[in-house]
Amino acid sequence: MGATRSIRTGPFVVPDVDDVPEGRMLDLPGRGRTYVVDLPGPPDAPTLILLHGTACTAVLNWFPALATLAEHYRVVLFDQRWHGRGIRSPRFRLDDCADDVVAVADALGIGRFVCVGYSLGGIVSLLTARRHPRRVAGLVLCATPYRFQEKWRERAFHRGFAATARALGDYPYRRAGRRARRLPELPAALEPGRLRRWALEEFRSTSGWALGPVLAEIGTFDATTWLPELRMPTAVVITTKDKAIPVYRQIELAAAIPGASIHPVAAGHAACAVAPHRFVPALTLACVTVAARR
């Protein structure tokens, strides 16, 4: 394929497909294999481990931010279990996801690291900090809940998201024309061309039918009692137009973690892809804030 140009959205340039970094399959002894991207960054730079959201892959969630973050940090991202090319296991458990983070760090020779999580990735980041506090040097939590399904809107989001993901992830290509009207719109930055096609392929790499058990497990998460015990530097990136994770719930998360800073983004739950020109600067500032307090 020939090169395509990057796409500008306001002051921010969305990378094209040629700029998405290559990764590799990594064996995690006793756990399985997952797809990992490891960007070295400057010498002796702090390490960020980026954890993606539900139904995403690592590169799909984070690719607009990678070039910016890699200027200052070693950046590691991987497909979480049951997502993309992540670990295949008989069942999905959040505790296993948290332990996977440390297993990836061990396999890459990383001691301490900052967990940067988006939605599901934020939940996994919190659990990693609780289960492995000596390894987690800081937290950056984006569009993240600390508990789920208390309100009808969150229950409806779970049901609707699972149904949409099944439609997007599992429909046969030969029937794409008939079902095209049912597919959600992608951000304008991903249209037209190879970047859009690549994004859809990444999305479809996670089975829609796997998301029911994933969302059921997420629905049991409740960190209310132990959030105040977290002592590592923390920044919370709040998506202020989020219709999935209520803004007040994200603010409560920040208030419950001692010393957490708040970084608002005027966008919804898919800010990482829909509004990178707003999300990436807030994410960068959150990472700088946590790294400075390490």
Protein backbone atom coordinates (compact mmCIF):
# COMPACT_ATOMS: atom_id res chain seq x y z
CA MET A 1 0.00 0.00 0.00
CA GLY A 2 1.13 3.52 -0.64
CA ALA A 3 1.45 6.05 2.13
CA THR A 4 -1.54 8.20 3.05
CA ARG A 5 -1.42 11.57 4.69
CA SER A 6 -2.28 12.24 8.31
CA ILE A 7 -5.61 13.92 9.04
CA ARG A 8 -5.89 17.17 10.97
CA THR A 9 -8.72 17.67 13.50
CA GLY A 10 -8.36 21.21 14.79
CA PRO A 11 -4.81 21.65 16.12
CA PHE A 12 -4.27 17.90 16.46
CA VAL A 13 -2.98 15.57 13.72
CA VAL A 14 -4.39 12.04 13.73
CA PRO A 15 -1.71 9.58 12.58
CA ASP A 16 -2.39 7.51 9.49
CA VAL A 17 -2.09 3.74 9.28
CA ASP A 18 1.61 3.87 8.41
CA ASP A 19 2.27 5.57 11.77
CA VAL A 20 0.62 2.87 13.91
CA PRO A 21 3.56 1.07 15.59
CA GLU A 22 4.21 -2.62 15.09
CA GLY A 23 4.08 -5.01 18.03
CA ARG A 24 4.76 -8.67 18.68
CA MET A 25 3.27 -11.65 20.45
CA LEU A 26 4.70 -12.06 23.94
CA ASP A 27 4.64 -15.25 26.01
CA LEU A 28 3.61 -14.82 29.64
CA PRO A 29 4.66 -18.01 31.46
CA GLY A 30 1.71 -19.85 32.91
CA ARG A 31 -0.77 -17.32 31.54
CA GLY A 32 -0.77 -17.35 27.73
CA ARG A 33 0.25 -15.01 24.91
CA THR A 34 -0.73 -11.45 24.13
CA TYR A 35 0.07 -8.76 21.58
CA VAL A 36 2.45 -6.12 22.97
CA VAL A 37 3.78 -2.82 21.61
CA ASP A 38 6.89 -1.48 23.37
CA LEU A 39 8.09 2.04 22.49
CA PRO A 40 11.47 2.74 24.13
CA GLY A 41 11.23 6.50 24.67
CA PRO A 42 14.22 8.52 25.94
CA PRO A 43 17.00 6.82 27.95
CA ASP A 44 16.00 6.21 31.60
CA ALA A 45 12.48 7.51 30.95
CA PRO A 46 9.66 6.43 33.29
CA THR A 47 7.51 3.61 31.95
CA LEU A 48 3.81 3.95 31.18
CA ILE A 49 1.72 0.80 30.74
CA LEU A 50 -1.41 1.74 28.78
CA LEU A 51 -4.56 -0.33 29.35
CA HIS A 52 -7.42 -0.06 26.86
CA GLY A 53 -11.18 0.00 27.25
CA THR A 54 -13.84 -2.63 26.65
CA ALA A 55 -14.20 -3.93 23.07
CA CYS A 56 -11.05 -2.09 21.99
CA THR A 57 -7.54 -3.23 21.29
CA ALA A 58 -4.46 -1.55 22.69
CA VAL A 59 -3.47 0.27 19.50
CA LEU A 60 -7.05 1.22 18.60
CA ASN A 61 -7.59 2.86 21.98
CA TRP A 62 -4.25 4.64 22.22
CA PHE A 63 -2.78 5.21 18.75
CA PRO A 64 -3.55 8.97 18.57
CA ALA A 65 -1.53 9.53 21.77
CA LEU A 66 1.46 7.25 21.22
CA ALA A 67 3.80 9.61 19.38
CA THR A 68 3.27 12.34 21.97
CA LEU A 69 3.74 10.05 24.98
CA ALA A 70 6.79 8.29 23.49
CA GLU A 71 8.65 11.61 23.37
CA HIS A 72 8.91 11.52 27.17
CA TYR A 73 8.25 7.95 28.37
CA ARG A 74 8.81 4.31 27.62
CA VAL A 75 5.33 3.30 26.49
CA VAL A 76 4.04 -0.27 26.71
CA LEU A 77 0.57 -1.34 25.62
CA PHE A 78 -0.99 -4.75 25.14
CA ASP A 79 -4.28 -6.42 24.30
CA GLN A 80 -6.03 -7.44 27.49
CA ARG A 81 -7.41 -10.94 27.82
CA TRP A 82 -10.51 -11.71 25.73
CA HIS A 83 -9.72 -8.65 23.56
CA GLY A 84 -7.98 -8.52 20.19
CA ARG A 85 -4.95 -10.80 20.26
CA GLY A 86 -4.97 -11.00 24.04
CA ILE A 87 -4.89 -14.05 26.30
CA ARG A 88 -7.55 -16.66 25.68
CA SER A 89 -8.70 -18.15 28.97
CA PRO A 90 -11.66 -20.28 30.09
CA ARG A 91 -13.17 -17.35 31.97
CA PHE A 92 -12.73 -13.59 32.32
CA ARG A 93 -11.77 -12.20 35.73
CA LEU A 94 -10.62 -8.68 36.53
CA ASP A 95 -8.09 -9.95 39.07
CA ASP A 96 -6.46 -11.98 36.28
CA CYS A 97 -6.29 -8.83 34.13
CA ALA A 98 -4.50 -6.99 36.94
CA ASP A 99 -2.00 -9.81 37.34
CA ASP A 100 -1.46 -9.82 33.56
CA VAL A 101 -0.14 -6.26 33.82
CA VAL A 102 2.62 -7.34 36.19
CA ALA A 103 3.31 -10.43 34.08
CA VAL A 104 3.87 -8.21 31.01
CA ALA A 105 6.16 -5.94 33.03
CA ASP A 106 8.14 -8.96 34.26
CA ALA A 107 8.49 -10.36 30.74
CA LEU A 108 9.85 -7.00 29.53
CA GLY A 109 12.19 -6.48 32.49
CA ILE A 110 10.23 -3.53 33.90
CA GLY A 111 10.30 -2.94 37.65
CA ARG A 112 8.01 -0.03 38.56
CA PHE A 113 5.61 1.62 36.15
CA VAL A 114 2.71 4.05 35.87
CA CYS A 115 -0.62 2.44 34.94
CA VAL A 116 -2.60 4.53 32.45
CA GLY A 117 -6.09 3.08 32.05
CA TYR A 118 -9.15 3.94 29.97
CA SER A 119 -12.58 2.78 31.22
CA LEU A 120 -12.04 -0.99 31.67
CA GLY A 121 -8.32 -0.22 31.65
CA GLY A 122 -8.87 2.20 34.52
CA ILE A 123 -10.56 -0.51 36.55
CA VAL A 124 -7.67 -2.88 35.83
CA SER A 125 -5.22 -0.12 36.79
CA LEU A 126 -6.94 0.32 40.15
CA LEU A 127 -6.85 -3.41 40.81
CA THR A 128 -3.19 -3.61 39.79
CA ALA A 129 -2.37 -0.84 42.26
CA ARG A 130 -4.24 -2.64 45.01
CA ARG A 131 -2.81 -6.10 44.32
CA HIS A 132 0.75 -4.96 43.46
CA PRO A 133 1.32 -1.61 45.19
CA ARG A 134 5.11 -1.93 45.14
CA ARG A 135 5.11 -2.17 41.36
CA VAL A 136 2.72 0.68 40.55
CA ALA A 137 4.48 4.05 40.75
CA GLY A 138 1.40 6.05 39.77
CA LEU A 139 -2.06 5.98 38.20
CA VAL A 140 -3.68 7.89 35.35
CA LEU A 141 -7.36 6.97 35.21
CA CYS A 142 -9.41 8.05 32.18
CA ALA A 143 -13.22 7.81 31.88
CA THR A 144 -13.06 5.37 34.79
CA PRO A 145 -15.75 4.22 37.25
CA TYR A 146 -15.01 2.91 40.72
CA ARG A 147 -18.28 0.99 40.83
CA PHE A 148 -20.95 0.07 38.28
CA GLN A 149 -24.65 -0.52 37.68
CA GLU A 150 -26.08 1.45 40.58
CA LYS A 151 -28.13 3.56 38.19
CA TRP A 152 -30.47 2.52 35.39
CA ARG A 153 -28.36 4.41 32.83
CA GLU A 154 -25.31 2.26 33.56
CA ARG A 155 -27.35 -0.94 33.29
CA ALA A 156 -28.80 0.25 29.98
CA PHE A 157 -25.31 1.11 28.74
CA HIS A 158 -24.10 -2.41 29.50
CA ARG A 159 -26.98 -4.02 27.61
CA GLY A 160 -26.83 -1.64 24.65
CA PHE A 161 -23.05 -1.78 24.35
CA ALA A 162 -22.99 -5.56 24.31
CA ALA A 163 -25.65 -5.69 21.59
CA THR A 164 -23.86 -3.12 19.43
CA ALA A 165 -20.51 -4.86 19.83
CA ARG A 166 -22.01 -8.19 18.77
CA ALA A 167 -23.47 -6.56 15.66
CA LEU A 168 -20.20 -4.85 14.78
CA GLY A 169 -17.82 -7.60 15.75
CA ASP A 170 -19.42 -10.72 14.37
CA TYR A 171 -21.34 -9.87 11.22
CA PRO A 172 -20.16 -11.70 8.09
CA TYR A 173 -18.46 -9.54 5.48
CA ARG A 174 -20.70 -10.89 2.72
CA ARG A 175 -23.70 -9.40 4.52
CA ALA A 176 -22.02 -6.09 5.29
CA GLY A 177 -24.14 -4.15 2.82
CA ARG A 178 -27.42 -5.24 4.36
CA ARG A 179 -26.26 -4.47 7.89
CA ALA A 180 -24.27 -1.33 7.18
CA ARG A 181 -27.15 0.89 8.29
CA ARG A 182 -26.96 -0.65 11.76
CA LEU A 183 -23.30 0.19 12.35
CA PRO A 184 -22.37 3.20 14.50
CA GLU A 185 -20.57 6.09 12.88
CA LEU A 186 -16.83 6.38 13.33
CA PRO A 187 -15.18 9.74 14.03
CA ALA A 188 -14.66 11.98 11.03
CA ALA A 189 -10.90 11.62 11.55
CA LEU A 190 -11.24 7.95 10.58
CA GLU A 191 -13.04 8.59 7.30
CA PRO A 192 -12.45 7.79 4.54
CA GLY A 193 -9.79 5.27 3.55
CA ARG A 194 -7.36 2.87 5.11
CA LEU A 195 -7.48 4.28 8.63
CA ARG A 196 -11.21 3.65 8.88
CA ARG A 197 -10.84 0.12 7.51
CA TRP A 198 -7.98 -0.57 9.91
CA ALA A 199 -10.00 0.71 12.88
CA LEU A 200 -12.94 -1.54 11.99
CA GLU A 201 -10.64 -4.55 11.65
CA GLU A 202 -9.18 -3.81 15.08
CA PHE A 203 -12.65 -3.49 16.58
CA ARG A 204 -13.81 -6.74 15.00
CA SER A 205 -10.81 -8.62 16.37
CA THR A 206 -12.65 -8.78 19.69
CA SER A 207 -15.57 -11.20 19.54
CA GLY A 208 -18.86 -9.49 20.28
CA TRP A 209 -20.07 -12.64 21.99
CA ALA A 210 -17.21 -12.44 24.49
CA LEU A 211 -18.35 -9.05 25.70
CA GLY A 212 -21.36 -10.32 27.63
CA PRO A 213 -19.22 -12.11 30.25
CA VAL A 214 -16.72 -9.22 30.23
CA LEU A 215 -19.43 -6.66 30.97
CA ALA A 216 -20.99 -8.93 33.58
CA GLU A 217 -17.66 -9.12 35.41
CA ILE A 218 -17.16 -5.35 35.15
CA GLY A 219 -20.62 -4.89 36.62
CA THR A 220 -19.51 -6.52 39.87
CA PHE A 221 -16.60 -4.12 40.39
CA ASP A 222 -16.77 -1.91 43.48
CA ALA A 223 -13.66 -0.23 44.90
CA THR A 224 -15.51 2.00 47.37
CA THR A 225 -13.98 0.55 50.52
CA TRP A 226 -10.33 0.52 49.46
CA LEU A 227 -9.83 3.58 47.23
CA PRO A 228 -8.69 5.73 50.21
CA GLU A 229 -5.91 3.20 50.85
CA LEU A 230 -4.15 3.98 47.56
CA ARG A 231 -1.09 6.13 48.17
CA MET A 232 0.59 6.40 44.76
CA PRO A 233 0.36 9.66 42.76
CA THR A 234 -2.88 9.66 40.81
CA ALA A 235 -4.46 11.78 38.07
CA VAL A 236 -8.06 11.40 36.93
CA VAL A 237 -9.00 12.43 33.37
CA ILE A 238 -12.73 13.16 33.48
CA THR A 239 -14.82 12.96 30.31
CA THR A 240 -17.34 15.68 31.10
CA LYS A 241 -19.87 14.74 28.39
CA ASP A 242 -19.81 11.04 29.21
CA LYS A 243 -23.19 9.28 28.86
CA ALA A 244 -21.83 5.91 29.99
CA ILE A 245 -19.82 6.74 33.11
CA PRO A 246 -21.57 9.59 34.97
CA VAL A 247 -19.37 12.62 35.56
CA TYR A 248 -20.24 12.68 39.25
CA ARG A 249 -18.99 9.09 39.54
CA GLN A 250 -15.65 10.07 38.00
CA ILE A 251 -15.41 13.06 40.37
CA GLU A 252 -16.16 10.79 43.32
CA LEU A 253 -13.32 8.54 42.18
CA ALA A 254 -10.88 11.45 42.21
CA ALA A 255 -12.12 12.66 45.59
CA ALA A 256 -11.71 9.23 47.16
CA ILE A 257 -8.02 8.79 46.22
CA PRO A 258 -5.79 10.96 48.43
CA GLY A 259 -4.15 13.79 46.49
CA ALA A 260 -5.56 12.87 43.08
CA SER A 261 -5.51 15.64 40.48
CA ILE A 262 -8.39 16.25 38.04
CA HIS A 263 -8.03 16.86 34.29
CA PRO A 264 -11.34 17.52 32.47
CA VAL A 265 -11.99 16.74 28.81
CA ALA A 266 -15.09 18.17 27.13
CA ALA A 267 -15.99 14.94 25.32
CA GLY A 268 -17.90 11.70 25.76
CA HIS A 269 -16.88 8.17 26.63
CA ALA A 270 -15.09 7.61 23.31
CA ALA A 271 -12.94 10.74 23.71
CA CYS A 272 -9.73 8.85 22.94
CA ALA A 273 -10.92 8.31 19.35
CA VAL A 274 -13.66 10.88 18.77
CA ALA A 275 -11.88 13.88 20.30
CA PRO A 276 -8.12 13.23 20.33
CA HIS A 277 -7.44 16.96 19.95
CA ARG A 278 -9.00 17.42 23.40
CA PHE A 279 -8.13 14.11 25.00
CA VAL A 280 -4.40 13.84 24.20
CA PRO A 281 -3.39 17.20 25.76
CA ALA A 282 -5.32 16.34 28.95
CA LEU A 283 -3.80 12.86 29.03
CA THR A 284 -0.31 14.29 28.53
CA LEU A 285 -0.74 16.78 31.37
CA ALA A 286 -2.07 14.03 33.64
CA CYS A 287 0.96 11.86 32.91
CA VAL A 288 3.34 14.78 33.52
CA THR A 289 1.61 15.51 36.83
CA VAL A 290 1.93 11.91 38.04
CA ALA A 291 5.52 11.51 36.79
CA ALA A 292 6.57 14.68 38.60
CA ARG A 293 5.23 13.32 41.89
CA ARG A 294 6.81 9.88 41.60
